[in-house]
Structure formats: structure tokens, C-alpha cells
N, C-alpha and C. Protein backbone atom coordinates (compact mmCIF):
# COMPACT_ATOMS: atom_id res chain seq x y z
N GLN A 1 25.74 -5.95 11.87
CA GLN A 1 25.59 -6.93 12.94
C GLN A 1 26.97 -7.37 13.43
N VAL A 2 27.02 -7.75 14.71
CA VAL A 2 28.26 -8.22 15.29
C VAL A 2 27.96 -9.47 16.12
N THR A 3 28.92 -10.37 16.15
CA THR A 3 28.80 -11.56 16.98
C THR A 3 29.20 -11.17 18.39
N THR A 4 28.27 -11.38 19.34
CA THR A 4 28.52 -10.96 20.72
C THR A 4 27.56 -11.68 21.66
N PRO A 5 27.93 -11.82 22.93
CA PRO A 5 26.99 -12.39 23.89
C PRO A 5 25.79 -11.43 24.07
N ALA A 6 24.67 -11.95 24.47
CA ALA A 6 23.44 -11.15 24.62
C ALA A 6 23.64 -9.93 25.50
N GLU A 7 24.36 -10.10 26.60
CA GLU A 7 24.51 -8.99 27.55
C GLU A 7 25.36 -7.84 27.01
N ARG A 8 26.06 -8.05 25.89
CA ARG A 8 26.89 -6.99 25.29
C ARG A 8 26.16 -6.25 24.17
N CYS A 9 24.98 -6.72 23.78
CA CYS A 9 24.29 -6.12 22.64
C CYS A 9 23.86 -4.68 22.92
N GLY A 10 23.20 -4.43 24.06
CA GLY A 10 22.80 -3.07 24.42
C GLY A 10 23.97 -2.11 24.51
N PRO A 11 25.01 -2.47 25.29
CA PRO A 11 26.17 -1.58 25.37
C PRO A 11 26.85 -1.35 24.01
N THR A 12 26.85 -2.36 23.15
CA THR A 12 27.44 -2.20 21.82
C THR A 12 26.64 -1.19 21.01
N CYS A 13 25.31 -1.25 21.11
CA CYS A 13 24.47 -0.26 20.44
C CYS A 13 24.77 1.15 20.95
N LEU A 14 24.90 1.28 22.26
CA LEU A 14 25.20 2.60 22.85
C LEU A 14 26.52 3.17 22.35
N GLN A 15 27.48 2.29 22.06
CA GLN A 15 28.80 2.73 21.61
C GLN A 15 28.84 2.96 20.09
N THR A 16 27.75 2.60 19.40
CA THR A 16 27.71 2.76 17.94
C THR A 16 26.86 3.99 17.62
N LYS A 17 27.47 5.01 17.05
CA LYS A 17 26.84 6.32 16.88
C LYS A 17 25.43 6.27 16.28
N GLU A 18 25.24 5.58 15.20
CA GLU A 18 23.95 5.62 14.52
C GLU A 18 22.95 4.58 15.02
N CYS A 19 23.32 3.73 15.95
CA CYS A 19 22.41 2.70 16.44
C CYS A 19 21.33 3.33 17.33
N THR A 20 20.06 3.11 17.00
CA THR A 20 18.94 3.62 17.80
C THR A 20 18.23 2.50 18.55
N HIS A 21 18.33 1.26 18.03
CA HIS A 21 17.69 0.11 18.65
C HIS A 21 18.38 -1.16 18.15
N TYR A 22 18.10 -2.28 18.79
CA TYR A 22 18.82 -3.50 18.46
C TYR A 22 17.97 -4.74 18.74
N THR A 23 18.39 -5.83 18.11
CA THR A 23 17.82 -7.15 18.36
C THR A 23 18.98 -8.12 18.49
N TRP A 24 18.94 -8.97 19.49
CA TRP A 24 19.95 -10.01 19.65
C TRP A 24 19.28 -11.36 19.42
N THR A 25 19.92 -12.21 18.61
CA THR A 25 19.42 -13.56 18.35
C THR A 25 20.55 -14.57 18.54
N THR A 26 20.20 -15.83 18.57
CA THR A 26 21.19 -16.90 18.72
C THR A 26 21.89 -17.23 17.40
N PHE A 27 21.57 -16.54 16.31
CA PHE A 27 22.21 -16.76 15.02
C PHE A 27 23.72 -16.65 15.16
N ASN A 28 24.45 -17.60 14.57
CA ASN A 28 25.93 -17.62 14.62
C ASN A 28 26.46 -17.58 16.05
N SER A 29 25.85 -18.31 16.95
CA SER A 29 26.24 -18.37 18.36
C SER A 29 26.07 -17.04 19.09
N GLY A 30 25.22 -16.16 18.57
CA GLY A 30 24.92 -14.89 19.22
C GLY A 30 25.23 -13.70 18.33
N THR A 31 24.19 -13.07 17.78
CA THR A 31 24.39 -11.94 16.88
C THR A 31 23.57 -10.75 17.35
N CYS A 32 24.21 -9.60 17.42
CA CYS A 32 23.54 -8.35 17.76
C CYS A 32 23.29 -7.60 16.46
N TRP A 33 22.01 -7.39 16.15
CA TRP A 33 21.61 -6.69 14.93
C TRP A 33 21.33 -5.24 15.32
N MET A 34 22.27 -4.35 15.03
CA MET A 34 22.08 -2.95 15.37
C MET A 34 21.27 -2.28 14.28
N LYS A 35 20.32 -1.45 14.71
CA LYS A 35 19.38 -0.86 13.77
C LYS A 35 19.32 0.65 13.94
N LYS A 36 18.77 1.30 12.92
CA LYS A 36 18.68 2.76 12.92
C LYS A 36 17.28 3.14 12.45
N GLY A 37 16.62 4.02 13.18
CA GLY A 37 15.31 4.47 12.74
C GLY A 37 14.53 5.10 13.88
N ASN A 38 13.41 5.70 13.52
CA ASN A 38 12.54 6.38 14.47
C ASN A 38 11.58 5.38 15.11
N VAL A 39 11.98 4.79 16.22
CA VAL A 39 11.15 3.80 16.90
C VAL A 39 11.06 4.10 18.39
N SER A 40 10.07 3.48 19.02
CA SER A 40 9.95 3.57 20.47
C SER A 40 9.73 2.16 20.99
N LYS A 41 9.68 2.01 22.30
CA LYS A 41 9.42 0.70 22.88
C LYS A 41 8.09 0.15 22.40
N ALA A 42 7.13 1.02 22.11
CA ALA A 42 5.81 0.59 21.64
C ALA A 42 5.87 -0.10 20.28
N ASP A 43 6.95 0.11 19.53
CA ASP A 43 7.07 -0.53 18.21
C ASP A 43 7.56 -1.98 18.30
N ALA A 44 8.03 -2.39 19.46
CA ALA A 44 8.50 -3.78 19.63
C ALA A 44 7.29 -4.73 19.57
N PHE A 45 7.54 -5.95 19.12
CA PHE A 45 6.47 -6.94 19.09
C PHE A 45 7.00 -8.27 19.60
N THR A 46 6.10 -9.13 20.04
CA THR A 46 6.49 -10.41 20.61
C THR A 46 6.79 -11.43 19.52
N THR A 47 7.66 -12.38 19.85
CA THR A 47 7.96 -13.49 18.96
C THR A 47 7.87 -14.78 19.76
N ASN A 48 7.98 -15.89 19.06
CA ASN A 48 7.96 -17.19 19.75
C ASN A 48 9.35 -17.62 20.20
N ASP A 49 10.36 -16.80 19.92
CA ASP A 49 11.73 -17.13 20.28
C ASP A 49 12.05 -16.57 21.67
N VAL A 50 12.06 -17.45 22.66
CA VAL A 50 12.29 -17.01 24.05
C VAL A 50 13.70 -16.50 24.28
N ASN A 51 14.63 -16.78 23.36
CA ASN A 51 16.01 -16.34 23.51
C ASN A 51 16.27 -14.96 22.90
N MET A 52 15.36 -14.47 22.07
CA MET A 52 15.55 -13.20 21.38
C MET A 52 15.38 -12.03 22.36
N ILE A 53 16.23 -11.01 22.19
CA ILE A 53 16.20 -9.82 23.03
C ILE A 53 16.18 -8.60 22.12
N CYS A 54 15.42 -7.57 22.53
CA CYS A 54 15.46 -6.33 21.76
C CYS A 54 15.53 -5.16 22.72
N GLY A 55 15.96 -4.02 22.22
CA GLY A 55 16.06 -2.84 23.06
C GLY A 55 16.11 -1.56 22.26
N VAL A 56 15.83 -0.48 22.96
CA VAL A 56 15.85 0.86 22.37
C VAL A 56 16.80 1.71 23.21
N ARG A 57 17.62 2.51 22.56
CA ARG A 57 18.51 3.43 23.30
C ARG A 57 17.66 4.41 24.06
N ASP A 58 17.86 4.54 25.34
CA ASP A 58 17.09 5.46 26.17
C ASP A 58 17.41 6.91 25.84
N ASN A 59 16.41 7.75 25.89
CA ASN A 59 16.51 9.20 25.74
C ASN A 59 17.02 9.68 24.39
N ILE A 60 17.20 8.78 23.45
CA ILE A 60 17.77 9.24 22.18
C ILE A 60 16.74 10.01 21.35
N GLN A 61 15.47 9.68 21.54
CA GLN A 61 14.46 10.34 20.71
C GLN A 61 13.33 10.89 21.58
N GLN A 62 13.67 11.41 22.72
CA GLN A 62 12.66 11.95 23.62
C GLN A 62 11.86 13.03 22.91
N GLY A 63 10.56 13.01 23.14
CA GLY A 63 9.70 14.03 22.57
C GLY A 63 9.09 13.65 21.24
N ILE A 64 9.61 12.62 20.57
CA ILE A 64 9.01 12.23 19.30
C ILE A 64 8.43 10.83 19.34
N THR A 65 8.41 10.23 20.49
CA THR A 65 7.82 8.91 20.59
C THR A 65 6.33 9.03 20.87
N ASN A 66 5.58 8.11 20.34
CA ASN A 66 4.14 8.09 20.51
C ASN A 66 3.82 6.88 21.38
N SER A 67 3.33 7.10 22.59
CA SER A 67 3.19 5.97 23.49
C SER A 67 1.75 5.56 23.77
N ILE A 68 0.77 6.38 23.38
CA ILE A 68 -0.61 5.96 23.59
C ILE A 68 -1.41 6.10 22.30
N VAL A 69 -2.41 5.26 22.17
CA VAL A 69 -3.30 5.31 21.02
C VAL A 69 -4.47 6.21 21.38
N VAL A 70 -4.73 7.21 20.55
CA VAL A 70 -5.82 8.15 20.79
C VAL A 70 -7.00 7.79 19.89
N TRP A 71 -8.06 7.27 20.48
CA TRP A 71 -9.23 6.79 19.72
C TRP A 71 -10.25 7.89 19.45
N ASN A 72 -10.27 8.95 20.22
CA ASN A 72 -11.21 10.06 20.01
C ASN A 72 -12.66 9.61 19.85
N GLY A 73 -13.05 8.60 20.60
CA GLY A 73 -14.43 8.14 20.55
C GLY A 73 -14.79 7.37 19.29
N GLN A 74 -13.80 7.05 18.49
CA GLN A 74 -14.03 6.34 17.23
C GLN A 74 -13.64 4.87 17.37
N ASN A 75 -13.90 4.10 16.32
CA ASN A 75 -13.47 2.69 16.27
C ASN A 75 -12.16 2.55 15.50
N TRP A 76 -11.52 3.66 15.16
CA TRP A 76 -10.24 3.65 14.47
C TRP A 76 -9.36 4.77 15.03
N ALA A 77 -8.06 4.65 14.83
CA ALA A 77 -7.12 5.65 15.32
C ALA A 77 -5.91 5.70 14.39
N ARG A 78 -5.14 6.76 14.52
CA ARG A 78 -3.90 6.92 13.73
C ARG A 78 -2.70 6.45 14.55
N SER A 79 -1.62 6.16 13.84
CA SER A 79 -0.34 5.79 14.47
C SER A 79 -0.47 4.60 15.40
N CYS A 80 -1.13 3.54 14.94
CA CYS A 80 -1.28 2.35 15.78
C CYS A 80 -1.33 1.08 14.94
N ASP A 81 -1.21 -0.05 15.63
CA ASP A 81 -1.20 -1.36 14.98
C ASP A 81 -1.64 -2.39 16.00
N PHE A 82 -1.94 -3.58 15.52
CA PHE A 82 -2.23 -4.75 16.36
C PHE A 82 -1.22 -5.82 16.00
N ASN A 83 -0.71 -6.57 16.99
CA ASN A 83 0.23 -7.65 16.74
C ASN A 83 -0.46 -8.83 16.05
N GLY A 84 0.19 -9.34 15.01
CA GLY A 84 -0.19 -10.59 14.37
C GLY A 84 -1.64 -10.74 13.97
N ASN A 85 -2.11 -11.99 13.98
CA ASN A 85 -3.47 -12.38 13.64
C ASN A 85 -3.90 -11.96 12.24
N ASN A 86 -2.94 -11.85 11.31
CA ASN A 86 -3.28 -11.44 9.95
C ASN A 86 -4.12 -12.51 9.26
N LEU A 87 -5.20 -12.06 8.67
CA LEU A 87 -6.14 -12.92 7.96
C LEU A 87 -5.86 -12.83 6.46
N SER A 88 -5.84 -11.61 5.95
CA SER A 88 -5.53 -11.37 4.54
C SER A 88 -5.16 -9.91 4.38
N GLN A 89 -4.69 -9.57 3.20
CA GLN A 89 -4.36 -8.18 2.93
C GLN A 89 -4.85 -7.81 1.55
N VAL A 90 -5.18 -6.55 1.39
CA VAL A 90 -5.68 -6.06 0.11
C VAL A 90 -5.18 -4.63 -0.10
N ARG A 91 -4.84 -4.30 -1.34
CA ARG A 91 -4.45 -2.93 -1.65
C ARG A 91 -5.71 -2.08 -1.71
N THR A 92 -5.72 -1.02 -0.95
CA THR A 92 -6.90 -0.15 -0.90
C THR A 92 -6.53 1.19 -0.29
N PRO A 93 -7.29 2.24 -0.62
CA PRO A 93 -7.06 3.51 0.07
C PRO A 93 -7.42 3.38 1.56
N ALA A 94 -6.86 4.24 2.39
CA ALA A 94 -7.07 4.17 3.84
C ALA A 94 -8.55 4.18 4.21
N GLU A 95 -9.33 5.03 3.56
CA GLU A 95 -10.74 5.17 3.92
C GLU A 95 -11.59 3.95 3.58
N ARG A 96 -11.04 3.02 2.80
CA ARG A 96 -11.78 1.81 2.44
C ARG A 96 -11.40 0.61 3.32
N CYS A 97 -10.39 0.76 4.17
CA CYS A 97 -9.91 -0.38 4.97
C CYS A 97 -10.98 -0.86 5.96
N GLY A 98 -11.56 0.04 6.73
CA GLY A 98 -12.62 -0.33 7.68
C GLY A 98 -13.81 -0.98 7.00
N PRO A 99 -14.38 -0.35 5.95
CA PRO A 99 -15.50 -0.96 5.24
C PRO A 99 -15.15 -2.33 4.62
N THR A 100 -13.90 -2.48 4.16
CA THR A 100 -13.47 -3.76 3.60
C THR A 100 -13.48 -4.83 4.69
N CYS A 101 -13.01 -4.49 5.90
CA CYS A 101 -13.05 -5.43 7.03
C CYS A 101 -14.49 -5.81 7.35
N LEU A 102 -15.39 -4.82 7.34
CA LEU A 102 -16.81 -5.10 7.64
C LEU A 102 -17.43 -6.08 6.65
N GLN A 103 -16.95 -6.06 5.41
CA GLN A 103 -17.50 -6.94 4.38
C GLN A 103 -16.98 -8.37 4.51
N MET A 104 -15.90 -8.57 5.25
CA MET A 104 -15.33 -9.91 5.41
C MET A 104 -15.78 -10.46 6.76
N LYS A 105 -16.53 -11.54 6.73
CA LYS A 105 -17.13 -12.09 7.94
C LYS A 105 -16.13 -12.36 9.07
N GLN A 106 -14.96 -12.89 8.74
CA GLN A 106 -13.98 -13.27 9.76
C GLN A 106 -13.17 -12.10 10.31
N CYS A 107 -13.18 -10.96 9.63
CA CYS A 107 -12.36 -9.82 10.04
C CYS A 107 -12.92 -9.18 11.31
N THR A 108 -12.07 -9.08 12.34
CA THR A 108 -12.48 -8.46 13.60
C THR A 108 -11.78 -7.12 13.84
N HIS A 109 -10.64 -6.91 13.20
CA HIS A 109 -9.88 -5.67 13.35
C HIS A 109 -8.93 -5.55 12.16
N TYR A 110 -8.31 -4.40 12.02
CA TYR A 110 -7.48 -4.16 10.84
C TYR A 110 -6.39 -3.13 11.11
N THR A 111 -5.41 -3.12 10.20
CA THR A 111 -4.36 -2.10 10.19
C THR A 111 -4.15 -1.68 8.75
N TRP A 112 -4.04 -0.39 8.52
CA TRP A 112 -3.75 0.12 7.18
C TRP A 112 -2.38 0.79 7.20
N THR A 113 -1.57 0.49 6.17
CA THR A 113 -0.25 1.11 6.04
C THR A 113 -0.09 1.66 4.62
N THR A 114 0.92 2.47 4.43
CA THR A 114 1.20 3.02 3.10
C THR A 114 1.95 2.03 2.22
N PHE A 115 2.27 0.83 2.74
CA PHE A 115 3.00 -0.18 1.97
C PHE A 115 2.28 -0.45 0.65
N ASN A 116 3.02 -0.51 -0.44
CA ASN A 116 2.49 -0.86 -1.75
C ASN A 116 1.36 0.10 -2.17
N SER A 117 1.55 1.37 -1.89
CA SER A 117 0.56 2.42 -2.22
C SER A 117 -0.75 2.28 -1.44
N GLY A 118 -0.73 1.59 -0.32
CA GLY A 118 -1.91 1.46 0.53
C GLY A 118 -2.32 0.01 0.70
N THR A 119 -2.07 -0.56 1.89
CA THR A 119 -2.40 -1.96 2.15
C THR A 119 -3.22 -2.06 3.43
N CYS A 120 -4.34 -2.76 3.30
CA CYS A 120 -5.21 -3.02 4.45
C CYS A 120 -4.95 -4.45 4.91
N LEU A 121 -4.48 -4.59 6.15
CA LEU A 121 -4.23 -5.91 6.73
C LEU A 121 -5.44 -6.27 7.59
N MET A 122 -6.24 -7.18 7.10
CA MET A 122 -7.40 -7.62 7.86
C MET A 122 -6.97 -8.69 8.83
N LYS A 123 -7.49 -8.61 10.05
CA LYS A 123 -7.03 -9.47 11.13
C LYS A 123 -8.21 -10.15 11.80
N LYS A 124 -7.92 -11.25 12.47
CA LYS A 124 -8.96 -12.02 13.14
C LYS A 124 -8.48 -12.35 14.55
N GLY A 125 -9.32 -12.14 15.54
CA GLY A 125 -8.94 -12.49 16.90
C GLY A 125 -9.78 -11.73 17.91
N ASP A 126 -9.72 -12.20 19.13
CA ASP A 126 -10.45 -11.59 20.23
C ASP A 126 -9.63 -10.43 20.78
N VAL A 127 -9.83 -9.23 20.22
CA VAL A 127 -9.06 -8.06 20.64
C VAL A 127 -9.99 -6.91 21.01
N SER A 128 -9.42 -5.95 21.71
CA SER A 128 -10.12 -4.71 22.02
C SER A 128 -9.18 -3.56 21.70
N LYS A 129 -9.67 -2.35 21.87
CA LYS A 129 -8.83 -1.17 21.64
C LYS A 129 -7.57 -1.21 22.50
N ALA A 130 -7.68 -1.80 23.68
CA ALA A 130 -6.55 -1.88 24.60
C ALA A 130 -5.40 -2.72 24.05
N ASP A 131 -5.67 -3.58 23.06
CA ASP A 131 -4.64 -4.43 22.47
C ASP A 131 -3.82 -3.71 21.41
N ALA A 132 -4.29 -2.56 20.96
CA ALA A 132 -3.54 -1.80 19.95
C ALA A 132 -2.31 -1.19 20.59
N PHE A 133 -1.25 -1.06 19.83
CA PHE A 133 -0.05 -0.39 20.33
C PHE A 133 0.29 0.78 19.42
N ALA A 134 0.87 1.80 20.00
CA ALA A 134 1.22 3.02 19.28
C ALA A 134 2.45 2.81 18.41
N THR A 135 2.45 3.46 17.26
CA THR A 135 3.62 3.47 16.38
C THR A 135 4.01 4.93 16.15
N ASN A 136 5.11 5.16 15.49
CA ASN A 136 5.52 6.52 15.16
C ASN A 136 5.21 6.86 13.70
N ASP A 137 4.33 6.08 13.07
CA ASP A 137 3.95 6.32 11.69
C ASP A 137 2.61 7.04 11.66
N PRO A 138 2.59 8.35 11.39
CA PRO A 138 1.34 9.11 11.42
C PRO A 138 0.34 8.70 10.34
N ASP A 139 0.82 7.98 9.32
CA ASP A 139 -0.08 7.54 8.25
C ASP A 139 -0.74 6.19 8.54
N MET A 140 -0.20 5.46 9.51
CA MET A 140 -0.74 4.14 9.85
C MET A 140 -2.06 4.29 10.59
N ILE A 141 -3.01 3.42 10.27
CA ILE A 141 -4.33 3.45 10.90
C ILE A 141 -4.66 2.05 11.40
N CYS A 142 -5.29 1.97 12.56
CA CYS A 142 -5.79 0.68 13.02
C CYS A 142 -7.23 0.87 13.49
N GLY A 143 -7.97 -0.21 13.48
CA GLY A 143 -9.36 -0.11 13.89
C GLY A 143 -9.92 -1.44 14.30
N ILE A 144 -11.06 -1.38 14.99
CA ILE A 144 -11.74 -2.60 15.40
C ILE A 144 -13.16 -2.58 14.85
N ARG A 145 -13.67 -3.77 14.64
CA ARG A 145 -15.04 -3.93 14.18
C ARG A 145 -15.90 -4.04 15.44
N THR A 146 -16.95 -3.29 15.51
CA THR A 146 -17.82 -3.36 16.69
C THR A 146 -19.02 -4.21 16.37
N SER A 147 -19.53 -4.90 17.38
CA SER A 147 -20.72 -5.72 17.18
C SER A 147 -21.94 -4.81 17.14
N ALA A 148 -22.83 -5.10 16.22
CA ALA A 148 -24.02 -4.26 16.03
C ALA A 148 -25.05 -4.53 17.11
């Protein structure tokens, strides 16, 4: 990280060989957090901090970004997530995440990740498939509960 005005964070990332994306915050009167990893704009998420800025280096990873969620007529998809609204989490295999959500009355949608050998994040909120965003993690799964 470097102390810099917000408008210098993107250019600083571009000048730093391994920087693939960045976040600027007001920490220490302005800090640019340069990051490295396989991400796309779809991996960004909203925060309550109106001063925070994030960005991705353009064209650095063309061809490996995943920008749409493919549902294939199902209520679940791969390489996707939903922002926030976490209700609870439980360690479980991927194939048990949807059924676990169905068993919890308040659960309306879910995300499964490989974290901790398999974690199902049960979520609550008024969402649809359109609210899911694509990630570059082929093992990540997201799904919605449909009304019977």
C-alpha cells in the first residue's frame, strides 16, 4: 500500500508490475491498496463507504474473466455469488448447500465456497437470479430458493 490521493491510485497500480486491481480508502489521509489476483469487475462489491474507490487494470486478463452467470434452467449456477445478506453459515459439501437452505425457513438464497473445506453461506433477502454476480472461481456455487 502507498499513501496517495485517490486520483493517483489507478495510475500507481498501472505502474506497478504485479498490481492487477486496487482499492483506495481514506486510511492515513489516503491509501492505495494494490492487489494481485485473478479478478474482474464482476468481483467488486458495494460498501457503505462513499469515499472508497476500487478498480481493475484494463485488458490485463482478457479472455479469463467471467462476466455472466449461466443458470442453465436451474435454480443454481457455478462461478457466482450474491452480495451480503448473510444469515448464517455451515460447513457442508456443495451438494448439500441448496437442501440446507431449504430446511431453514428464513433462507432465500445461498452461496457455497471451498472455504474451510466447504462452507454454505445462507442468505436472506428479496433477490432474483439477476442479483447474482459472476466470479472467476469455478468451484463457487450460488442459488436461489423458489416458491413452491
